[in-house]
N, C-alpha and C. Protein backbone atom coordinates (compact mmCIF):
# COMPACT_ATOMS: atom_id res chain seq x y z
N UNK A 1 372.01 60.21 139.60
CA UNK A 1 371.70 61.25 140.10
C UNK A 1 371.36 61.59 138.54
N UNK A 2 369.68 63.18 139.39
CA UNK A 2 368.77 63.09 138.55
C UNK A 2 369.32 64.61 137.67
N UNK A 3 368.71 65.01 136.81
CA UNK A 3 369.39 66.57 136.12
C UNK A 3 368.33 67.18 136.37
N UNK A 4 367.73 68.35 136.61
CA UNK A 4 366.98 69.29 136.88
C UNK A 4 367.17 70.76 136.03
N UNK A 5 367.33 69.83 134.85
CA UNK A 5 367.58 71.49 133.78
C UNK A 5 368.03 72.37 134.61
N UNK A 6 368.04 72.87 135.21
CA UNK A 6 368.74 74.26 135.63
C UNK A 6 370.25 74.63 135.55
N UNK A 7 370.04 75.74 135.45
CA UNK A 7 371.64 76.02 134.61
C UNK A 7 372.06 77.32 135.55
N UNK A 8 373.35 77.41 136.14
CA UNK A 8 373.54 78.73 137.15
C UNK A 8 374.89 78.88 136.62
N UNK A 9 375.59 80.01 136.74
CA UNK A 9 376.90 80.49 136.33
C UNK A 9 377.60 80.80 137.80
N UNK A 10 378.87 81.16 137.82
CA UNK A 10 379.19 81.41 138.84
C UNK A 10 379.37 82.42 138.97
N UNK A 11 379.05 83.83 140.17
CA UNK A 11 379.34 84.89 140.26
C UNK A 11 380.76 84.70 140.44
N UNK A 12 381.73 86.60 140.34
CA UNK A 12 382.77 86.80 140.73
C UNK A 12 383.87 86.34 141.50
N UNK A 13 382.89 85.92 142.63
CA UNK A 13 383.64 85.46 144.15
C UNK A 13 383.96 83.84 143.91
N UNK A 14 383.21 83.08 142.79
CA UNK A 14 382.87 81.89 142.87
C UNK A 14 381.62 80.96 143.74
N UNK A 15 380.52 81.97 143.04
CA UNK A 15 379.19 81.06 144.49
C UNK A 15 378.18 80.93 143.37
N UNK A 16 377.43 80.32 143.45
CA UNK A 16 376.11 79.88 142.80
C UNK A 16 374.66 80.29 144.05
N UNK A 17 373.94 80.46 143.66
CA UNK A 17 372.39 80.38 144.21
C UNK A 17 372.10 79.79 143.61
N UNK A 18 370.73 78.88 145.11
CA UNK A 18 370.52 77.54 144.87
C UNK A 18 369.25 77.70 144.83
N UNK A 19 368.02 77.67 143.22
CA UNK A 19 367.09 78.27 143.22
C UNK A 19 366.16 78.08 144.17
N UNK A 20 365.03 78.81 144.76
CA UNK A 20 363.95 78.66 146.02
C UNK A 20 362.93 77.38 145.57
N UNK A 21 363.47 76.61 144.28
CA UNK A 21 362.40 75.99 144.56
C UNK A 21 362.89 74.68 145.21
N UNK A 22 364.56 74.22 144.62
CA UNK A 22 365.28 73.42 144.56
C UNK A 22 365.46 73.52 146.06
N UNK A 23 365.50 73.99 147.13
CA UNK A 23 365.68 74.47 148.32
C UNK A 23 364.44 74.01 149.07
N UNK A 24 363.30 74.29 148.76
CA UNK A 24 362.06 74.24 149.21
C UNK A 24 361.66 72.93 149.38
N UNK A 25 362.54 72.30 148.19
CA UNK A 25 361.70 70.47 148.14
C UNK A 25 363.30 70.09 149.26
N UNK A 26 364.06 70.16 148.84
CA UNK A 26 365.39 69.77 149.79
C UNK A 26 365.31 69.85 151.26
N UNK A 27 363.96 70.74 152.02
CA UNK A 27 364.28 71.35 152.76
C UNK A 27 365.03 72.36 153.67
N UNK A 28 365.81 73.35 152.63
CA UNK A 28 367.28 73.95 152.89
C UNK A 28 366.78 75.07 153.40
N UNK A 29 367.00 75.93 154.21
CA UNK A 29 366.64 77.08 154.63
C UNK A 29 368.00 78.40 154.67
N UNK A 30 367.36 79.24 154.69
CA UNK A 30 368.06 80.13 154.72
C UNK A 30 369.01 80.18 156.24
N UNK A 31 370.64 80.13 155.75
CA UNK A 31 371.24 80.17 156.76
C UNK A 31 371.69 78.16 157.46
N UNK A 32 370.72 77.55 156.69
CA UNK A 32 371.54 76.31 156.63
C UNK A 32 372.49 75.90 156.33
N UNK A 33 373.22 75.47 157.04
CA UNK A 33 374.54 74.44 156.84
C UNK A 33 374.57 73.54 155.63
N UNK A 34 375.68 73.72 154.92
CA UNK A 34 375.89 72.84 154.02
C UNK A 34 377.18 72.03 153.85
N UNK A 35 377.06 70.47 153.62
CA UNK A 35 377.73 69.75 153.20
C UNK A 35 378.51 69.82 152.60
N UNK A 36 379.85 69.22 151.78
CA UNK A 36 380.53 69.78 150.31
C UNK A 36 380.96 68.92 150.48
N UNK A 37 380.30 67.67 149.58
CA UNK A 37 381.41 66.48 149.16
C UNK A 37 381.50 66.17 147.44
N UNK A 38 382.86 65.87 147.32
CA UNK A 38 383.47 66.24 146.27
C UNK A 38 383.82 64.11 145.88
N UNK A 39 383.05 63.67 144.52
CA UNK A 39 382.64 62.23 144.60
C UNK A 39 383.39 62.16 142.51
N UNK A 40 384.10 61.71 142.21
CA UNK A 40 385.02 61.40 140.98
C UNK A 40 384.96 63.02 140.24
N UNK A 41 384.55 63.60 139.85
CA UNK A 41 384.16 64.95 139.79
C UNK A 41 382.85 66.19 139.55
N UNK A 42 382.13 65.20 140.60
CA UNK A 42 380.31 65.97 140.60
C UNK A 42 381.29 66.63 141.67
N UNK A 43 380.40 67.47 142.15
CA UNK A 43 380.38 67.99 143.76
C UNK A 43 379.65 68.13 144.05
N UNK A 44 378.89 67.56 145.04
CA UNK A 44 377.30 67.51 146.20
C UNK A 44 377.65 68.17 147.12
N UNK A 45 376.16 68.82 147.28
CA UNK A 45 375.95 69.40 148.60
C UNK A 45 374.87 68.73 149.49
N UNK A 46 374.89 69.11 150.64
CA UNK A 46 374.04 68.05 151.53
C UNK A 46 373.91 69.17 152.83
N UNK A 47 372.48 69.06 152.96
CA UNK A 47 372.10 69.98 154.13
C UNK A 47 372.55 68.91 155.05
N UNK A 48 373.50 70.32 155.95
CA UNK A 48 374.63 69.60 157.70
C UNK A 48 373.67 69.58 158.56
N UNK A 49 373.98 68.00 158.27
CA UNK A 49 373.13 67.41 159.98
C UNK A 49 373.91 66.90 160.90
N UNK A 50 373.92 67.59 162.30
CA UNK A 50 375.66 66.49 163.08
C UNK A 50 374.82 65.69 163.57
N UNK A 51 375.55 64.79 163.80
CA UNK A 51 375.93 63.42 164.31
C UNK A 51 376.90 63.26 165.23
N UNK A 52 376.86 62.04 166.10
CA UNK A 52 377.34 62.04 167.41
C UNK A 52 378.84 61.23 166.57
N UNK A 53 379.96 61.69 167.37
CA UNK A 53 381.12 61.60 166.55
C UNK A 53 381.01 59.79 166.91
N UNK A 54 380.52 58.89 167.71
CA UNK A 54 380.77 57.39 167.56
C UNK A 54 379.95 56.52 167.17
N UNK A 55 378.20 57.64 167.31
CA UNK A 55 377.54 55.83 166.81
C UNK A 55 376.49 56.83 165.13
N UNK A 56 376.94 57.80 165.53
CA UNK A 56 376.58 58.74 164.72
C UNK A 56 375.23 58.79 164.14
N UNK A 57 374.47 58.67 165.19
CA UNK A 57 373.04 59.20 165.50
C UNK A 57 373.05 60.44 165.41
N UNK A 58 371.67 61.11 165.26
CA UNK A 58 371.46 62.52 165.09
C UNK A 58 369.97 63.79 166.37
N UNK A 59 370.03 62.77 167.42
CA UNK A 59 369.36 62.26 168.56
C UNK A 59 370.08 62.82 170.47
N UNK A 60 369.34 64.06 170.94
CA UNK A 60 370.08 63.91 171.92
C UNK A 60 371.35 64.34 172.02
N UNK A 61 371.93 65.25 171.41
CA UNK A 61 373.40 65.37 171.04
C UNK A 61 374.27 66.67 172.32
N UNK A 62 375.34 66.83 172.43
CA UNK A 62 376.10 67.55 173.12
C UNK A 62 377.02 67.86 172.38
N UNK A 63 377.32 69.08 173.15
CA UNK A 63 378.77 69.75 172.08
C UNK A 63 379.96 69.51 172.99
N UNK A 64 380.62 69.06 173.00
CA UNK A 64 382.21 69.43 173.99
C UNK A 64 383.42 69.48 173.29
N UNK A 65 384.02 69.99 173.94
CA UNK A 65 385.54 70.84 173.27
C UNK A 65 385.02 71.17 171.25
N UNK A 66 383.93 71.56 171.16
CA UNK A 66 383.89 71.56 169.64
C UNK A 66 383.58 70.29 168.78
N UNK A 67 383.62 69.20 169.54
CA UNK A 67 383.40 67.46 169.45
C UNK A 67 380.97 67.84 169.57
N UNK A 68 380.86 66.26 168.92
CA UNK A 68 378.83 66.47 169.09
C UNK A 68 379.40 64.74 169.35
N UNK A 69 378.27 64.84 170.94
CA UNK A 69 378.56 63.33 171.42
C UNK A 69 377.18 63.65 171.78
N UNK A 70 376.48 61.86 171.64
CA UNK A 70 375.37 61.90 171.78
C UNK A 70 375.72 61.46 173.68
N UNK A 71 374.29 61.61 174.41
CA UNK A 71 374.05 61.45 176.22
C UNK A 71 374.22 60.09 175.85
N UNK A 72 373.72 58.88 175.10
CA UNK A 72 374.02 57.92 175.55
C UNK A 72 374.86 57.10 175.47
N UNK A 73 375.91 57.63 174.62
CA UNK A 73 377.64 57.48 174.05
C UNK A 73 378.21 58.55 174.99
N UNK A 74 377.62 59.27 175.69
CA UNK A 74 378.05 59.88 176.97
C UNK A 74 378.24 59.07 178.25
N UNK A 75 377.03 58.36 178.78
CA UNK A 75 376.26 57.53 179.66
C UNK A 75 377.88 56.05 179.61
N UNK A 76 378.16 55.80 178.30
CA UNK A 76 378.60 53.99 178.30
C UNK A 76 380.09 54.65 178.21
N UNK A 77 380.69 56.31 177.74
CA UNK A 77 382.06 56.51 178.33
C UNK A 77 382.91 56.67 179.87
N UNK A 78 381.20 57.14 180.36
CA UNK A 78 381.45 57.33 181.94
C UNK A 78 381.73 56.01 183.04
N UNK A 79 380.46 54.88 182.59
CA UNK A 79 380.61 53.64 182.85
C UNK A 79 382.19 52.68 182.71
N UNK A 80 382.59 52.80 181.34
CA UNK A 80 384.15 52.42 181.46
C UNK A 80 384.94 53.38 181.87
C-alpha cells in the first residue's frame, strides 16, 4: 500500500471525504458506487464495477432478478 500523506477526520456521521485529486486519479466520479473491503486491519475502497455472476467478465452484462449475467453465459445456460 502506498501512503498519500493525506489525513481526513470522520464527521459526526462516520463519513470521510475523498480528496478530488485522488478521485480524479482513480477515475471516481460523483455518485459512483464504491466497494468496501476489509483486510486484517485495513479498510479498502474500490470503484465498483459489475461483473458476470459466472465468468466475472465486465462486458455485455444483463440484469435479471437482481443478478448480473453476461450474454455469453446466458447462451450457455440456455443450451444446457
